[in-house]
Amino acid sequence: MKKYIPQRAKLKYQLYKRYWREHIQNHHLFASKQYVKHTHSNVIFPFQISTEQQIKASSFFENKTANIDLCIQYIDGLIVPPNHIFSFWHLVPEPSIQNGFKQGRNIINGAIGEEIGGGICQVSCILYITALKAGLKIIERHAHSVDIYQEHERFTPLGSDATIVYAYKDLQFKNIFDFPIQINLRRKHDVLIAQFSFQNKILEKNIHFSVELRDQIKYVITHSDLDQINLSIYKVL
């Protein structure tokens, strides 16, 4: 029966489920640029934790950078107050032609394909690894289902990725500190830079990953300092 349901109807249903879970059931507080303009315009953030990633040359490279630049416009400068949650899809609109996104490379149903908005997961990836380095609480994060890269092709270590699918898969993390955090994103040619800024100095976490291959499956454990904090599982193409 599911295959006969229009894709748009499935999308609306997922959005409704997510709204109910986040706002009605759990009463989550999400950071927004509109709120920030009126409440934190004069806050100073002298301490930073940052991450840089190369945007690798590939098919649809120009489209990918255009899609990344669109995401930057929606996220850069965001301030996340204490106990508020950063949500990628509460800030970035549905990736569609109408919203200015372009065709790009993406993983679709476990295979490499083409999709509107392809490539924007590099934005969620760099935000995820920076949130880990800052010790923020990860509310929602999804690993890719397959590992499509050789080691020399990676823009981020295996296990530090964060795939996003509108309405279905989000990246969310919570500000656990008693002071606000500012998130800045920018692209300098083929380098993507994420910077989290803080009012008070915090200790940057040492994030590293250990990989074990068994029966064409990669098991990746994420370590924060000496703690194991996550397990990601990938099929090998």
C-alpha atoms as a PDB file:
ATOM      1  CA  MET A   1       0.000   0.000   0.000  1.00  0.00           C
ATOM      2  CA  LYS A   2       2.789   2.445   0.855  1.00  0.00           C
ATOM      3  CA  LYS A   3       4.037   2.560  -2.726  1.00  0.00           C
ATOM      4  CA  TYR A   4       0.665   3.952  -3.856  1.00  0.00           C
ATOM      5  CA  ILE A   5       0.764   6.891  -1.432  1.00  0.00           C
ATOM      6  CA  PRO A   6       1.923  10.108  -3.180  1.00  0.00           C
ATOM      7  CA  GLN A   7       5.400  11.239  -2.127  1.00  0.00           C
ATOM      8  CA  ARG A   8       4.069  14.651  -1.102  1.00  0.00           C
ATOM      9  CA  ALA A   9       1.520  13.047   1.221  1.00  0.00           C
ATOM     10  CA  LYS A  10       4.274  10.956   2.837  1.00  0.00           C
ATOM     11  CA  LEU A  11       6.344  14.092   3.348  1.00  0.00           C
ATOM     12  CA  LYS A  12       3.479  15.975   5.014  1.00  0.00           C
ATOM     13  CA  TYR A  13       2.822  13.011   7.290  1.00  0.00           C
ATOM     14  CA  GLN A  14       6.465  12.906   8.375  1.00  0.00           C
ATOM     15  CA  LEU A  15       6.436  16.651   9.042  1.00  0.00           C
ATOM     16  CA  TYR A  16       3.316  16.258  11.185  1.00  0.00           C
ATOM     17  CA  LYS A  17       4.854  13.377  13.149  1.00  0.00           C
ATOM     18  CA  ARG A  18       7.992  15.391  13.744  1.00  0.00           C
ATOM     19  CA  TYR A  19       6.035  18.487  14.824  1.00  0.00           C
ATOM     20  CA  TRP A  20       4.001  16.431  17.294  1.00  0.00           C
ATOM     21  CA  ARG A  21       7.082  14.773  18.781  1.00  0.00           C
ATOM     22  CA  GLU A  22       9.180  17.919  19.041  1.00  0.00           C
ATOM     23  CA  HIS A  23       6.644  20.574  20.011  1.00  0.00           C
ATOM     24  CA  ILE A  24       3.652  18.819  21.597  1.00  0.00           C
ATOM     25  CA  GLN A  25       5.238  15.795  23.231  1.00  0.00           C
ATOM     26  CA  ASN A  26       8.714  17.030  24.189  1.00  0.00           C
ATOM     27  CA  HIS A  27       8.269  20.843  24.194  1.00  0.00           C
ATOM     28  CA  HIS A  28      11.664  21.427  22.603  1.00  0.00           C
ATOM     29  CA  LEU A  29      13.010  24.962  22.375  1.00  0.00           C
ATOM     30  CA  PHE A  30      14.638  25.616  19.001  1.00  0.00           C
ATOM     31  CA  ALA A  31      17.065  28.407  18.190  1.00  0.00           C
ATOM     32  CA  SER A  32      15.949  30.841  15.493  1.00  0.00           C
ATOM     33  CA  LYS A  33      17.460  33.920  13.921  1.00  0.00           C
ATOM     34  CA  GLN A  34      14.268  35.925  14.476  1.00  0.00           C
ATOM     35  CA  TYR A  35      14.454  35.387  18.231  1.00  0.00           C
ATOM     36  CA  VAL A  36      18.148  36.219  18.385  1.00  0.00           C
ATOM     37  CA  LYS A  37      17.839  39.617  16.699  1.00  0.00           C
ATOM     38  CA  HIS A  38      15.840  40.984  19.626  1.00  0.00           C
ATOM     39  CA  THR A  39      17.561  39.314  22.575  1.00  0.00           C
ATOM     40  CA  HIS A  40      21.299  38.796  21.981  1.00  0.00           C
ATOM     41  CA  SER A  41      22.350  41.534  19.574  1.00  0.00           C
ATOM     42  CA  ASN A  42      25.004  42.951  21.946  1.00  0.00           C
ATOM     43  CA  VAL A  43      26.474  39.701  23.289  1.00  0.00           C
ATOM     44  CA  ILE A  44      30.257  39.243  22.886  1.00  0.00           C
ATOM     45  CA  PHE A  45      31.735  35.790  22.166  1.00  0.00           C
ATOM     46  CA  PRO A  46      35.525  35.844  22.756  1.00  0.00           C
ATOM     47  CA  PHE A  47      36.233  32.075  22.770  1.00  0.00           C
ATOM     48  CA  GLN A  48      36.072  29.802  19.708  1.00  0.00           C
ATOM     49  CA  ILE A  49      36.159  26.173  18.604  1.00  0.00           C
ATOM     50  CA  SER A  50      36.396  25.677  14.849  1.00  0.00           C
ATOM     51  CA  THR A  51      36.619  23.046  12.124  1.00  0.00           C
ATOM     52  CA  GLU A  52      37.814  23.315   8.525  1.00  0.00           C
ATOM     53  CA  GLN A  53      36.996  20.872   5.734  1.00  0.00           C
ATOM     54  CA  GLN A  54      38.003  20.815   2.100  1.00  0.00           C
ATOM     55  CA  ILE A  55      35.176  20.656  -0.426  1.00  0.00           C
ATOM     56  CA  LYS A  56      36.542  17.942  -2.689  1.00  0.00           C
ATOM     57  CA  ALA A  57      36.397  18.314  -6.457  1.00  0.00           C
ATOM     58  CA  SER A  58      33.693  16.070  -7.900  1.00  0.00           C
ATOM     59  CA  SER A  59      30.853  15.977 -10.380  1.00  0.00           C
ATOM     60  CA  PHE A  60      28.368  18.797  -9.696  1.00  0.00           C
ATOM     61  CA  PHE A  61      31.090  20.679  -7.764  1.00  0.00           C
ATOM     62  CA  GLU A  62      29.711  24.118  -8.697  1.00  0.00           C
ATOM     63  CA  ASN A  63      26.183  23.047  -7.805  1.00  0.00           C
ATOM     64  CA  LYS A  64      27.392  21.619  -4.491  1.00  0.00           C
ATOM     65  CA  THR A  65      29.125  24.860  -3.516  1.00  0.00           C
ATOM     66  CA  ALA A  66      26.010  26.825  -4.524  1.00  0.00           C
ATOM     67  CA  ASN A  67      23.876  24.579  -2.304  1.00  0.00           C
ATOM     68  CA  ILE A  68      26.362  24.948   0.554  1.00  0.00           C
ATOM     69  CA  ASP A  69      26.315  28.734   0.171  1.00  0.00           C
ATOM     70  CA  LEU A  70      22.514  28.704   0.459  1.00  0.00           C
ATOM     71  CA  CYS A  71      22.720  26.769   3.729  1.00  0.00           C
ATOM     72  CA  ILE A  72      25.335  29.192   5.021  1.00  0.00           C
ATOM     73  CA  GLN A  73      22.913  32.083   4.473  1.00  0.00           C
ATOM     74  CA  TYR A  74      20.308  30.418   6.698  1.00  0.00           C
ATOM     75  CA  ILE A  75      22.663  29.291   9.483  1.00  0.00           C
ATOM     76  CA  ASP A  76      25.556  31.777   9.739  1.00  0.00           C
ATOM     77  CA  GLY A  77      25.309  34.071  12.750  1.00  0.00           C
ATOM     78  CA  LEU A  78      22.760  31.962  14.618  1.00  0.00           C
ATOM     79  CA  ILE A  79      22.844  32.281  18.400  1.00  0.00           C
ATOM     80  CA  VAL A  80      21.734  29.251  20.407  1.00  0.00           C
ATOM     81  CA  PRO A  81      20.550  30.307  23.894  1.00  0.00           C
ATOM     82  CA  PRO A  82      21.000  28.019  26.922  1.00  0.00           C
ATOM     83  CA  ASN A  83      18.798  24.896  26.821  1.00  0.00           C
ATOM     84  CA  HIS A  84      17.850  25.604  23.204  1.00  0.00           C
ATOM     85  CA  ILE A  85      18.371  23.197  20.321  1.00  0.00           C
ATOM     86  CA  PHE A  86      20.040  23.753  16.984  1.00  0.00           C
ATOM     87  CA  SER A  87      18.050  22.015  14.247  1.00  0.00           C
ATOM     88  CA  PHE A  88      19.245  21.995  10.646  1.00  0.00           C
ATOM     89  CA  TRP A  89      15.747  21.730   9.196  1.00  0.00           C
ATOM     90  CA  HIS A  90      14.278  24.381  11.492  1.00  0.00           C
ATOM     91  CA  LEU A  91      16.647  26.815   9.763  1.00  0.00           C
ATOM     92  CA  VAL A  92      17.144  25.543   6.206  1.00  0.00           C
ATOM     93  CA  PRO A  93      14.055  25.187   3.976  1.00  0.00           C
ATOM     94  CA  GLU A  94      13.156  22.153   1.915  1.00  0.00           C
ATOM     95  CA  PRO A  95      15.810  21.631  -0.778  1.00  0.00           C
ATOM     96  CA  SER A  96      13.833  22.371  -3.934  1.00  0.00           C
ATOM     97  CA  ILE A  97      14.307  24.279  -7.166  1.00  0.00           C
ATOM     98  CA  GLN A  98      11.773  26.826  -5.903  1.00  0.00           C
ATOM     99  CA  ASN A  99      13.975  27.466  -2.852  1.00  0.00           C
ATOM    100  CA  GLY A 100      17.067  27.959  -5.006  1.00  0.00           C
ATOM    101  CA  PHE A 101      18.763  24.576  -4.602  1.00  0.00           C
ATOM    102  CA  LYS A 102      20.471  22.784  -7.476  1.00  0.00           C
ATOM    103  CA  GLN A 103      21.023  19.210  -8.590  1.00  0.00           C
ATOM    104  CA  GLY A 104      23.913  17.476  -6.852  1.00  0.00           C
ATOM    105  CA  ARG A 105      25.406  14.126  -5.926  1.00  0.00           C
ATOM    106  CA  ASN A 106      23.779  12.277  -3.049  1.00  0.00           C
ATOM    107  CA  ILE A 107      23.416   8.822  -1.505  1.00  0.00           C
ATOM    108  CA  ILE A 108      19.905   7.579  -2.319  1.00  0.00           C
ATOM    109  CA  ASN A 109      18.709   4.205  -1.007  1.00  0.00           C
ATOM    110  CA  GLY A 110      22.277   3.073  -0.434  1.00  0.00           C
ATOM    111  CA  ALA A 111      23.595   4.076  -3.863  1.00  0.00           C
ATOM    112  CA  ILE A 112      25.173   7.194  -5.353  1.00  0.00           C
ATOM    113  CA  GLY A 113      22.658   9.244  -7.312  1.00  0.00           C
ATOM    114  CA  GLU A 114      21.551  12.756  -8.174  1.00  0.00           C
ATOM    115  CA  GLU A 115      19.126  14.871  -6.184  1.00  0.00           C
ATOM    116  CA  ILE A 116      18.094  18.489  -5.704  1.00  0.00           C
ATOM    117  CA  GLY A 117      20.147  19.848  -2.811  1.00  0.00           C
ATOM    118  CA  GLY A 118      22.863  17.232  -3.179  1.00  0.00           C
ATOM    119  CA  GLY A 119      26.026  17.957  -1.223  1.00  0.00           C
ATOM    120  CA  ILE A 120      24.523  19.900   1.676  1.00  0.00           C
ATOM    121  CA  CYS A 121      25.277  17.068   4.074  1.00  0.00           C
ATOM    122  CA  GLN A 122      28.825  18.445   4.228  1.00  0.00           C
ATOM    123  CA  VAL A 123      27.307  21.386   6.114  1.00  0.00           C
ATOM    124  CA  SER A 124      25.594  19.102   8.632  1.00  0.00           C
ATOM    125  CA  CYS A 125      28.782  17.021   8.923  1.00  0.00           C
ATOM    126  CA  ILE A 126      30.994  19.975   9.821  1.00  0.00           C
ATOM    127  CA  LEU A 127      28.416  21.221  12.324  1.00  0.00           C
ATOM    128  CA  TYR A 128      28.190  17.770  13.919  1.00  0.00           C
ATOM    129  CA  ILE A 129      31.932  17.311  14.418  1.00  0.00           C
ATOM    130  CA  THR A 130      32.242  20.859  15.807  1.00  0.00           C
ATOM    131  CA  ALA A 131      29.364  20.203  18.215  1.00  0.00           C
ATOM    132  CA  LEU A 132      31.179  17.069  19.403  1.00  0.00           C
ATOM    133  CA  LYS A 133      34.386  19.046  19.936  1.00  0.00           C
ATOM    134  CA  ALA A 134      32.405  21.559  22.008  1.00  0.00           C
ATOM    135  CA  GLY A 135      30.833  18.832  24.143  1.00  0.00           C
ATOM    136  CA  LEU A 136      27.264  19.723  23.193  1.00  0.00           C
ATOM    137  CA  LYS A 137      24.443  17.214  23.661  1.00  0.00           C
ATOM    138  CA  ILE A 138      23.539  15.465  20.416  1.00  0.00           C
ATOM    139  CA  ILE A 139      19.753  15.141  20.195  1.00  0.00           C
ATOM    140  CA  GLU A 140      19.502  13.672  16.698  1.00  0.00           C
ATOM    141  CA  ARG A 141      22.134  12.523  14.229  1.00  0.00           C
ATOM    142  CA  HIS A 142      22.093   9.903  11.482  1.00  0.00           C
ATOM    143  CA  ALA A 143      25.093   8.261   9.852  1.00  0.00           C
ATOM    144  CA  HIS A 144      25.089   7.499   6.154  1.00  0.00           C
ATOM    145  CA  SER A 145      24.047   3.925   5.397  1.00  0.00           C
ATOM    146  CA  VAL A 146      27.074   3.148   3.213  1.00  0.00           C
ATOM    147  CA  ASP A 147      30.737   4.136   3.045  1.00  0.00           C
ATOM    148  CA  ILE A 148      31.327   5.383  -0.502  1.00  0.00           C
ATOM    149  CA  TYR A 149      34.813   6.848  -0.044  1.00  0.00           C
ATOM    150  CA  GLN A 150      38.392   5.685  -0.241  1.00  0.00           C
ATOM    151  CA  GLU A 151      40.522   7.119   2.564  1.00  0.00           C
ATOM    152  CA  HIS A 152      42.142   9.779   0.344  1.00  0.00           C
ATOM    153  CA  GLU A 153      38.699  10.971  -0.825  1.00  0.00           C
ATOM    154  CA  ARG A 154      37.246  11.783   2.595  1.00  0.00           C
ATOM    155  CA  PHE A 155      36.505  15.352   3.669  1.00  0.00           C
ATOM    156  CA  THR A 156      35.805  14.164   7.226  1.00  0.00           C
ATOM    157  CA  PRO A 157      36.704  10.997   9.174  1.00  0.00           C
ATOM    158  CA  LEU A 158      34.371   8.025   8.838  1.00  0.00           C
ATOM    159  CA  GLY A 159      32.005   8.218  11.804  1.00  0.00           C
ATOM    160  CA  SER A 160      31.864  12.020  11.865  1.00  0.00           C
ATOM    161  CA  ASP A 161      29.240  12.305   9.131  1.00  0.00           C
ATOM    162  CA  ALA A 162      25.649  13.442   9.678  1.00  0.00           C
ATOM    163  CA  THR A 163      23.248  12.772   6.840  1.00  0.00           C
ATOM    164  CA  ILE A 164      20.087  14.855   6.566  1.00  0.00           C
ATOM    165  CA  VAL A 165      16.826  14.170   4.728  1.00  0.00           C
ATOM    166  CA  TYR A 166      14.099  16.799   4.814  1.00  0.00           C
ATOM    167  CA  ALA A 167      11.306  15.779   7.249  1.00  0.00           C
ATOM    168  CA  TYR A 168      12.916  12.381   7.882  1.00  0.00           C
ATOM    169  CA  LYS A 169      16.455  12.888   9.223  1.00  0.00           C
ATOM    170  CA  ASP A 170      17.723  15.976  11.024  1.00  0.00           C
ATOM    171  CA  LEU A 171      20.852  17.109  12.827  1.00  0.00           C
ATOM    172  CA  GLN A 172      20.012  18.494  16.251  1.00  0.00           C
ATOM    173  CA  PHE A 173      22.210  19.383  19.214  1.00  0.00           C
ATOM    174  CA  LYS A 174      21.503  21.194  22.478  1.00  0.00           C
ATOM    175  CA  ASN A 175      23.324  24.032  24.208  1.00  0.00           C
ATOM    176  CA  ILE A 176      23.991  22.552  27.650  1.00  0.00           C
ATOM    177  CA  PHE A 177      25.849  25.621  28.934  1.00  0.00           C
ATOM    178  CA  ASP A 178      24.387  28.500  30.938  1.00  0.00           C
ATOM    179  CA  PHE A 179      25.490  31.021  28.292  1.00  0.00           C
ATOM    180  CA  PRO A 180      24.598  31.386  24.594  1.00  0.00           C
ATOM    181  CA  ILE A 181      26.625  30.015  21.678  1.00  0.00           C
ATOM    182  CA  GLN A 182      27.076  31.689  18.307  1.00  0.00           C
ATOM    183  CA  ILE A 183      27.419  29.549  15.184  1.00  0.00           C
ATOM    184  CA  ASN A 184      29.257  30.936  12.174  1.00  0.00           C
ATOM    185  CA  LEU A 185      29.720  29.269   8.801  1.00  0.00           C
ATOM    186  CA  ARG A 186      31.649  30.468   5.791  1.00  0.00           C
ATOM    187  CA  ARG A 187      33.200  29.143   2.618  1.00  0.00           C
ATOM    188  CA  LYS A 188      36.602  30.295   1.445  1.00  0.00           C
ATOM    189  CA  HIS A 189      37.056  28.949  -2.081  1.00  0.00           C
ATOM    190  CA  ASP A 190      37.062  25.156  -1.610  1.00  0.00           C
ATOM    191  CA  VAL A 191      37.291  25.212   2.192  1.00  0.00           C
ATOM    192  CA  LEU A 192      34.242  25.121   4.473  1.00  0.00           C
ATOM    193  CA  ILE A 193      34.730  26.618   7.939  1.00  0.00           C
ATOM    194  CA  ALA A 194      32.503  26.227  10.998  1.00  0.00           C
ATOM    195  CA  GLN A 195      33.145  28.274  14.127  1.00  0.00           C
ATOM    196  CA  PHE A 196      31.305  27.993  17.444  1.00  0.00           C
ATOM    197  CA  SER A 197      31.877  30.984  19.726  1.00  0.00           C
ATOM    198  CA  PHE A 198      31.313  31.156  23.481  1.00  0.00           C
ATOM    199  CA  GLN A 199      31.083  33.790  26.213  1.00  0.00           C
ATOM    200  CA  ASN A 200      33.143  31.628  28.559  1.00  0.00           C
ATOM    201  CA  LYS A 201      36.123  29.412  27.809  1.00  0.00           C
ATOM    202  CA  ILE A 202      35.375  25.692  27.514  1.00  0.00           C
ATOM    203  CA  LEU A 203      37.684  22.712  27.115  1.00  0.00           C
ATOM    204  CA  GLU A 204      37.697  21.346  23.575  1.00  0.00           C
ATOM    205  CA  LYS A 205      37.036  17.610  23.463  1.00  0.00           C
ATOM    206  CA  ASN A 206      39.473  15.283  21.715  1.00  0.00           C
ATOM    207  CA  ILE A 207      37.291  13.470  19.177  1.00  0.00           C
ATOM    208  CA  HIS A 208      38.642  10.385  17.434  1.00  0.00           C
ATOM    209  CA  PHE A 209      37.265   7.290  15.722  1.00  0.00           C
ATOM    210  CA  SER A 210      38.129   3.592  15.706  1.00  0.00           C
ATOM    211  CA  VAL A 211      37.047   1.406  12.782  1.00  0.00           C
ATOM    212  CA  GLU A 212      36.516  -2.352  12.640  1.00  0.00           C
ATOM    213  CA  LEU A 213      35.639  -4.170   9.392  1.00  0.00           C
ATOM    214  CA  ARG A 214      33.613  -7.396   9.646  1.00  0.00           C
ATOM    215  CA  ASP A 215      31.817  -9.106   6.750  1.00  0.00           C
ATOM    216  CA  GLN A 216      31.775  -5.996   4.534  1.00  0.00           C
ATOM    217  CA  ILE A 217      30.367  -3.912   7.382  1.00  0.00           C
ATOM    218  CA  LYS A 218      32.339  -1.114   9.049  1.00  0.00           C
ATOM    219  CA  TYR A 219      31.696  -0.498  12.747  1.00  0.00           C
ATOM    220  CA  VAL A 220      32.938   2.927  13.839  1.00  0.00           C
ATOM    221  CA  ILE A 221      33.130   3.927  17.497  1.00  0.00           C
ATOM    222  CA  THR A 222      33.241   7.644  18.281  1.00  0.00           C
ATOM    223  CA  HIS A 223      35.452   8.574  21.239  1.00  0.00           C
ATOM    224  CA  SER A 224      35.253  11.857  23.142  1.00  0.00           C
ATOM    225  CA  ASP A 225      38.419  12.101  25.227  1.00  0.00           C
ATOM    226  CA  LEU A 226      38.404   8.662  26.900  1.00  0.00           C
ATOM    227  CA  ASP A 227      34.666   8.007  26.586  1.00  0.00           C
ATOM    228  CA  GLN A 228      32.895   5.982  23.899  1.00  0.00           C
ATOM    229  CA  ILE A 229      29.895   8.070  22.887  1.00  0.00           C
ATOM    230  CA  ASN A 230      28.509   6.574  19.682  1.00  0.00           C
ATOM    231  CA  LEU A 231      28.530   3.630  17.270  1.00  0.00           C
ATOM    232  CA  SER A 232      27.998   4.115  13.527  1.00  0.00           C
ATOM    233  CA  ILE A 233      27.515   1.226  11.106  1.00  0.00           C
ATOM    234  CA  TYR A 234      28.222   1.367   7.358  1.00  0.00           C
ATOM    235  CA  LYS A 235      27.919  -1.058   4.485  1.00  0.00           C
ATOM    236  CA  VAL A 236      30.939  -1.105   2.180  1.00  0.00           C
ATOM    237  CA  LEU A 237      30.183  -0.554  -1.500  1.00  0.00           C
END
